[in-house]
PDB file of N, CA and C in Angstrom:
ATOM      1  N   MET A   1      48.653 104.482 106.877  1.00  0.00           N
ATOM      2  CA  MET A   1      47.699 104.302 106.335  1.00  0.00           C
ATOM      3  C   MET A   1      47.505 103.029 107.138  1.00  0.00           C
ATOM      4  N   PHE A   2      45.736 102.610 106.944  1.00  0.00           N
ATOM      5  CA  PHE A   2      44.902 101.821 107.688  1.00  0.00           C
ATOM      6  C   PHE A   2      45.070 100.470 106.537  1.00  0.00           C
ATOM      7  N   SER A   3      45.843  99.629 107.573  1.00  0.00           N
ATOM      8  CA  SER A   3      45.556  98.364 106.744  1.00  0.00           C
ATOM      9  C   SER A   3      44.829  97.106 107.060  1.00  0.00           C
ATOM     10  N   PHE A   4      43.933  96.578 106.152  1.00  0.00           N
ATOM     11  CA  PHE A   4      43.025  95.325 106.437  1.00  0.00           C
ATOM     12  C   PHE A   4      43.707  94.138 106.844  1.00  0.00           C
ATOM     13  N   ALA A   5      45.310  94.171 106.517  1.00  0.00           N
ATOM     14  CA  ALA A   5      45.802  93.028 106.498  1.00  0.00           C
ATOM     15  C   ALA A   5      45.596  91.961 107.726  1.00  0.00           C
ATOM     16  N   LYS A   6      45.815  92.551 109.238  1.00  0.00           N
ATOM     17  CA  LYS A   6      45.391  91.594 110.217  1.00  0.00           C
ATOM     18  C   LYS A   6      44.282  91.712 110.811  1.00  0.00           C
ATOM     19  N   TYR A   7      43.046  92.051 110.267  1.00  0.00           N
ATOM     20  CA  TYR A   7      41.487  92.012 110.195  1.00  0.00           C
ATOM     21  C   TYR A   7      40.874  91.227 109.287  1.00  0.00           C
ATOM     22  N   LYS A   8      40.271  90.320 109.739  1.00  0.00           N
ATOM     23  CA  LYS A   8      39.457  89.316 108.905  1.00  0.00           C
ATOM     24  C   LYS A   8      38.068  90.052 108.263  1.00  0.00           C
ATOM     25  N   PHE A   9      38.208  90.826 107.159  1.00  0.00           N
ATOM     26  CA  PHE A   9      36.688  91.745 106.672  1.00  0.00           C
ATOM     27  C   PHE A   9      36.942  90.906 105.198  1.00  0.00           C
ATOM     28  N   ASN A  10      35.549  90.699 105.054  1.00  0.00           N
ATOM     29  CA  ASN A  10      35.291  89.950 103.502  1.00  0.00           C
ATOM     30  C   ASN A  10      35.312  91.365 102.523  1.00  0.00           C
ATOM     31  N   ALA A  11      35.349  91.507 101.380  1.00  0.00           N
ATOM     32  CA  ALA A  11      35.382  92.510 100.761  1.00  0.00           C
ATOM     33  C   ALA A  11      34.076  93.447 100.546  1.00  0.00           C
ATOM     34  N   ILE A  12      32.990  93.108 100.591  1.00  0.00           N
ATOM     35  CA  ILE A  12      31.584  93.857 101.260  1.00  0.00           C
ATOM     36  C   ILE A  12      32.263  94.668 102.157  1.00  0.00           C
ATOM     37  N   SER A  13      32.744  94.286 103.242  1.00  0.00           N
ATOM     38  CA  SER A  13      32.896  94.798 104.822  1.00  0.00           C
ATOM     39  C   SER A  13      33.738  95.884 104.342  1.00  0.00           C
ATOM     40  N   GLN A  14      34.968  95.741 103.712  1.00  0.00           N
ATOM     41  CA  GLN A  14      35.964  96.654 103.264  1.00  0.00           C
ATOM     42  C   GLN A  14      35.245  98.223 102.321  1.00  0.00           C
ATOM     43  N   GLU A  15      34.441  97.443 101.530  1.00  0.00           N
ATOM     44  CA  GLU A  15      33.633  98.652 100.499  1.00  0.00           C
ATOM     45  C   GLU A  15      32.992  99.428 101.435  1.00  0.00           C
ATOM     46  N   LEU A  16      32.024  98.946 102.639  1.00  0.00           N
ATOM     47  CA  LEU A  16      31.395  99.321 103.690  1.00  0.00           C
ATOM     48  C   LEU A  16      32.417 100.454 104.517  1.00  0.00           C
ATOM     49  N   ILE A  17      33.230 100.054 104.809  1.00  0.00           N
ATOM     50  CA  ILE A  17      34.420 101.023 105.466  1.00  0.00           C
ATOM     51  C   ILE A  17      34.577 102.170 105.032  1.00  0.00           C
ATOM     52  N   PHE A  18      35.042 101.907 103.487  1.00  0.00           N
ATOM     53  CA  PHE A  18      35.703 102.959 102.933  1.00  0.00           C
ATOM     54  C   PHE A  18      34.288 103.762 102.307  1.00  0.00           C
ATOM     55  N   GLN A  19      32.989 103.174 101.870  1.00  0.00           N
ATOM     56  CA  GLN A  19      31.910 104.351 102.328  1.00  0.00           C
ATOM     57  C   GLN A  19      31.886 105.094 103.358  1.00  0.00           C
ATOM     58  N   LEU A  20      31.805 104.460 104.448  1.00  0.00           N
ATOM     59  CA  LEU A  20      31.693 105.331 105.556  1.00  0.00           C
ATOM     60  C   LEU A  20      32.457 106.720 105.815  1.00  0.00           C
ATOM     61  N   ALA A  21      34.025 106.157 105.896  1.00  0.00           N
ATOM     62  CA  ALA A  21      35.123 106.810 105.896  1.00  0.00           C
ATOM     63  C   ALA A  21      35.034 107.927 104.768  1.00  0.00           C
ATOM     64  N   LEU A  22      34.287 107.634 103.518  1.00  0.00           N
ATOM     65  CA  LEU A  22      34.176 108.968 102.671  1.00  0.00           C
ATOM     66  C   LEU A  22      32.832 109.764 102.999  1.00  0.00           C
ATOM     67  N   SER A  23      31.752 109.312 103.599  1.00  0.00           N
ATOM     68  CA  SER A  23      30.951 110.031 104.310  1.00  0.00           C
ATOM     69  C   SER A  23      31.133 110.962 105.308  1.00  0.00           C
ATOM     70  N   LEU A  24      32.336 110.356 105.827  1.00  0.00           N
ATOM     71  CA  LEU A  24      32.604 111.347 107.150  1.00  0.00           C
ATOM     72  C   LEU A  24      33.628 112.091 106.889  1.00  0.00           C
ATOM     73  N   ILE A  25      33.903 112.665 105.283  1.00  0.00           N
ATOM     74  CA  ILE A  25      34.863 113.761 105.041  1.00  0.00           C
ATOM     75  C   ILE A  25      33.951 114.979 105.097  1.00  0.00           C
ATOM     76  N   LYS A  26      34.395 116.329 105.780  1.00  0.00           N
ATOM     77  CA  LYS A  26      33.420 117.437 105.785  1.00  0.00           C
ATOM     78  C   LYS A  26      33.770 118.060 104.471  1.00  0.00           C
ATOM     79  N   GLY A  27      32.433 118.383 104.180  1.00  0.00           N
ATOM     80  CA  GLY A  27      32.066 118.640 102.606  1.00  0.00           C
ATOM     81  C   GLY A  27      31.630 117.909 101.574  1.00  0.00           C
ATOM     82  N   VAL A  28      31.724 116.643 101.846  1.00  0.00           N
ATOM     83  CA  VAL A  28      31.060 115.520 101.421  1.00  0.00           C
ATOM     84  C   VAL A  28      29.651 114.736 101.709  1.00  0.00           C
ATOM     85  N   GLY A  29      28.933 115.148 100.827  1.00  0.00           N
ATOM     86  CA  GLY A  29      27.464 115.222 100.947  1.00  0.00           C
ATOM     87  C   GLY A  29      26.932 113.719  99.827  1.00  0.00           C
ATOM     88  N   PRO A  30      26.144 113.111 100.105  1.00  0.00           N
ATOM     89  CA  PRO A  30      25.727 112.325  98.779  1.00  0.00           C
ATOM     90  C   PRO A  30      25.934 112.351  97.691  1.00  0.00           C
ATOM     91  N   ASN A  31      25.554 113.820  97.014  1.00  0.00           N
ATOM     92  CA  ASN A  31      26.389 113.952  95.453  1.00  0.00           C
ATOM     93  C   ASN A  31      27.497 113.816  95.241  1.00  0.00           C
ATOM     94  N   THR A  32      28.201 114.303  96.178  1.00  0.00           N
ATOM     95  CA  THR A  32      29.709 114.673  96.038  1.00  0.00           C
ATOM     96  C   THR A  32      30.474 113.152  96.085  1.00  0.00           C
ATOM     97  N   ALA A  33      30.138 112.578  97.084  1.00  0.00           N
ATOM     98  CA  ALA A  33      30.314 111.184  97.049  1.00  0.00           C
ATOM     99  C   ALA A  33      29.840 110.220  96.072  1.00  0.00           C
ATOM    100  N   LYS A  34      29.078 110.507  95.522  1.00  0.00           N
ATOM    101  CA  LYS A  34      28.755 109.451  94.049  1.00  0.00           C
ATOM    102  C   LYS A  34      29.534 109.733  93.007  1.00  0.00           C
ATOM    103  N   LYS A  35      29.642 111.326  92.823  1.00  0.00           N
ATOM    104  CA  LYS A  35      30.940 112.332  92.140  1.00  0.00           C
ATOM    105  C   LYS A  35      32.273 111.513  91.963  1.00  0.00           C
ATOM    106  N   LEU A  36      32.562 111.506  93.022  1.00  0.00           N
ATOM    107  CA  LEU A  36      34.173 110.774  93.916  1.00  0.00           C
ATOM    108  C   LEU A  36      34.318 109.387  93.426  1.00  0.00           C
ATOM    109  N   ILE A  37      33.338 108.917  93.827  1.00  0.00           N
ATOM    110  CA  ILE A  37      33.240 106.977  93.592  1.00  0.00           C
ATOM    111  C   ILE A  37      33.152 106.842  91.563  1.00  0.00           C
ATOM    112  N   ALA A  38      32.101 107.571  91.403  1.00  0.00           N
ATOM    113  CA  ALA A  38      32.368 107.305  90.158  1.00  0.00           C
ATOM    114  C   ALA A  38      33.473 107.390  88.997  1.00  0.00           C
ATOM    115  N   TYR A  39      34.197 108.614  89.426  1.00  0.00           N
ATOM    116  CA  TYR A  39      35.371 109.308  89.139  1.00  0.00           C
ATOM    117  C   TYR A  39      36.713 108.138  89.309  1.00  0.00           C
ATOM    118  N   CYS A  40      36.745 107.964  90.339  1.00  0.00           N
ATOM    119  CA  CYS A  40      37.543 107.009  91.001  1.00  0.00           C
ATOM    120  C   CYS A  40      37.466 105.522  90.861  1.00  0.00           C
ATOM    121  N   GLY A  41      36.316 105.361  90.918  1.00  0.00           N
ATOM    122  CA  GLY A  41      36.146 103.871  90.344  1.00  0.00           C
ATOM    123  C   GLY A  41      35.654 103.135  91.599  1.00  0.00           C
ATOM    124  N   GLY A  42      35.367 103.377  93.089  1.00  0.00           N
ATOM    125  CA  GLY A  42      34.938 103.094  94.482  1.00  0.00           C
ATOM    126  C   GLY A  42      35.321 103.744  95.215  1.00  0.00           C
ATOM    127  N   PRO A  43      35.074 103.793  96.390  1.00  0.00           N
ATOM    128  CA  PRO A  43      35.263 103.935  97.130  1.00  0.00           C
ATOM    129  C   PRO A  43      36.639 103.924  98.153  1.00  0.00           C
ATOM    130  N   GLU A  44      36.704 102.998  98.046  1.00  0.00           N
ATOM    131  CA  GLU A  44      38.679 102.563  98.314  1.00  0.00           C
ATOM    132  C   GLU A  44      39.702 103.317  97.190  1.00  0.00           C
ATOM    133  N   ALA A  45      39.218 103.090  95.943  1.00  0.00           N
ATOM    134  CA  ALA A  45      40.377 103.722  94.831  1.00  0.00           C
ATOM    135  C   ALA A  45      40.340 105.162  95.254  1.00  0.00           C
ATOM    136  N   PHE A  46      39.249 105.882  96.069  1.00  0.00           N
ATOM    137  CA  PHE A  46      39.564 107.575  96.132  1.00  0.00           C
ATOM    138  C   PHE A  46      40.553 107.547  97.322  1.00  0.00           C
ATOM    139  N   PHE A  47      40.399 106.639  98.174  1.00  0.00           N
ATOM    140  CA  PHE A  47      41.315 106.940  99.094  1.00  0.00           C
ATOM    141  C   PHE A  47      42.791 106.847  98.684  1.00  0.00           C
ATOM    142  N   LYS A  48      42.892 105.880  97.647  1.00  0.00           N
ATOM    143  CA  LYS A  48      44.473 105.835  96.909  1.00  0.00           C
ATOM    144  C   LYS A  48      44.725 106.765  95.893  1.00  0.00           C
ATOM    145  N   GLU A  49      43.578 107.454  95.449  1.00  0.00           N
ATOM    146  CA  GLU A  49      44.086 108.526  94.220  1.00  0.00           C
ATOM    147  C   GLU A  49      44.656 109.481  95.143  1.00  0.00           C
ATOM    148  N   LYS A  50      45.830 109.897  93.835  1.00  0.00           N
ATOM    149  CA  LYS A  50      46.731 111.109  94.102  1.00  0.00           C
ATOM    150  C   LYS A  50      45.802 112.190  94.081  1.00  0.00           C
ATOM    151  N   ILE A  51      46.345 113.299  94.698  1.00  0.00           N
ATOM    152  CA  ILE A  51      45.478 114.500  95.305  1.00  0.00           C
ATOM    153  C   ILE A  51      45.837 115.616  93.888  1.00  0.00           C
ATOM    154  N   VAL A  52      46.585 115.086  93.596  1.00  0.00           N
ATOM    155  CA  VAL A  52      46.796 115.799  92.103  1.00  0.00           C
ATOM    156  C   VAL A  52      45.616 115.142  91.028  1.00  0.00           C
ATOM    157  N   ASN A  53      45.250 114.053  90.740  1.00  0.00           N
ATOM    158  CA  ASN A  53      44.157 113.541  90.255  1.00  0.00           C
ATOM    159  C   ASN A  53      42.702 113.958  90.802  1.00  0.00           C
ATOM    160  N   LEU A  54      42.497 114.260  92.284  1.00  0.00           N
ATOM    161  CA  LEU A  54      41.634 114.517  92.830  1.00  0.00           C
ATOM    162  C   LEU A  54      40.978 116.170  92.177  1.00  0.00           C
ATOM    163  N   LYS A  55      42.077 116.693  92.371  1.00  0.00           N
ATOM    164  CA  LYS A  55      41.887 117.999  91.919  1.00  0.00           C
ATOM    165  C   LYS A  55      41.185 118.155  90.916  1.00  0.00           C
ATOM    166  N   LYS A  56      41.493 117.237  89.743  1.00  0.00           N
ATOM    167  CA  LYS A  56      41.021 117.645  88.432  1.00  0.00           C
ATOM    168  C   LYS A  56      39.673 117.278  88.426  1.00  0.00           C
ATOM    169  N   ILE A  57      38.544 116.454  89.529  1.00  0.00           N
ATOM    170  CA  ILE A  57      37.648 116.374  89.489  1.00  0.00           C
ATOM    171  C   ILE A  57      36.824 117.426  89.553  1.00  0.00           C
ATOM    172  N   PRO A  58      35.595 117.769  88.667  1.00  0.00           N
ATOM    173  CA  PRO A  58      34.803 119.083  88.444  1.00  0.00           C
ATOM    174  C   PRO A  58      34.325 119.117  90.025  1.00  0.00           C
ATOM    175  N   THR A  59      34.034 120.634  90.215  1.00  0.00           N
ATOM    176  CA  THR A  59      33.591 120.790  91.273  1.00  0.00           C
ATOM    177  C   THR A  59      33.880 120.157  92.944  1.00  0.00           C
ATOM    178  N   ILE A  60      35.309 119.642  92.779  1.00  0.00           N
ATOM    179  CA  ILE A  60      36.237 119.194  93.970  1.00  0.00           C
ATOM    180  C   ILE A  60      36.633 120.427  94.568  1.00  0.00           C
ATOM    181  N   GLY A  61      37.706 120.654  93.575  1.00  0.00           N
ATOM    182  CA  GLY A  61      38.819 121.803  94.094  1.00  0.00           C
ATOM    183  C   GLY A  61      39.736 121.149  95.102  1.00  0.00           C
ATOM    184  N   ASN A  62      40.551 122.587  95.087  1.00  0.00           N
ATOM    185  CA  ASN A  62      41.878 122.231  96.128  1.00  0.00           C
ATOM    186  C   ASN A  62      41.414 121.906  97.741  1.00  0.00           C
ATOM    187  N   VAL A  63      40.628 122.457  98.300  1.00  0.00           N
ATOM    188  CA  VAL A  63      40.161 122.579  99.560  1.00  0.00           C
ATOM    189  C   VAL A  63      39.980 121.021  99.890  1.00  0.00           C
ATOM    190  N   LEU A  64      38.611 120.420  99.142  1.00  0.00           N
ATOM    191  CA  LEU A  64      38.258 119.138  99.526  1.00  0.00           C
ATOM    192  C   LEU A  64      39.185 118.428  99.135  1.00  0.00           C
ATOM    193  N   ALA A  65      40.042 118.264  98.340  1.00  0.00           N
ATOM    194  CA  ALA A  65      41.189 117.553  97.537  1.00  0.00           C
ATOM    195  C   ALA A  65      42.188 117.349  98.679  1.00  0.00           C
ATOM    196  N   ASN A  66      42.453 118.232  99.513  1.00  0.00           N
ATOM    197  CA  ASN A  66      43.582 118.139 100.393  1.00  0.00           C
ATOM    198  C   ASN A  66      42.867 117.514 101.775  1.00  0.00           C
ATOM    199  N   GLN A  67      41.450 117.451 101.860  1.00  0.00           N
ATOM    200  CA  GLN A  67      41.378 117.315 103.207  1.00  0.00           C
ATOM    201  C   GLN A  67      41.388 115.824 103.660  1.00  0.00           C
TER     202      GLN A  67
END
């Protein structure tokens, strides 16, 4: 897993990096990204969420959750 520990990013920079990473996932457009962020509580939280919980998000499904 990527760690910010050795880099000096502020909280806003970290948030933007996770938003960018989320937007680069195949099959995730603006609407899906908003759903994922709303469900998980933020872009970083999405990447820390367990796959089993991501599969519970309506319209996400197994394929997207496993990417």
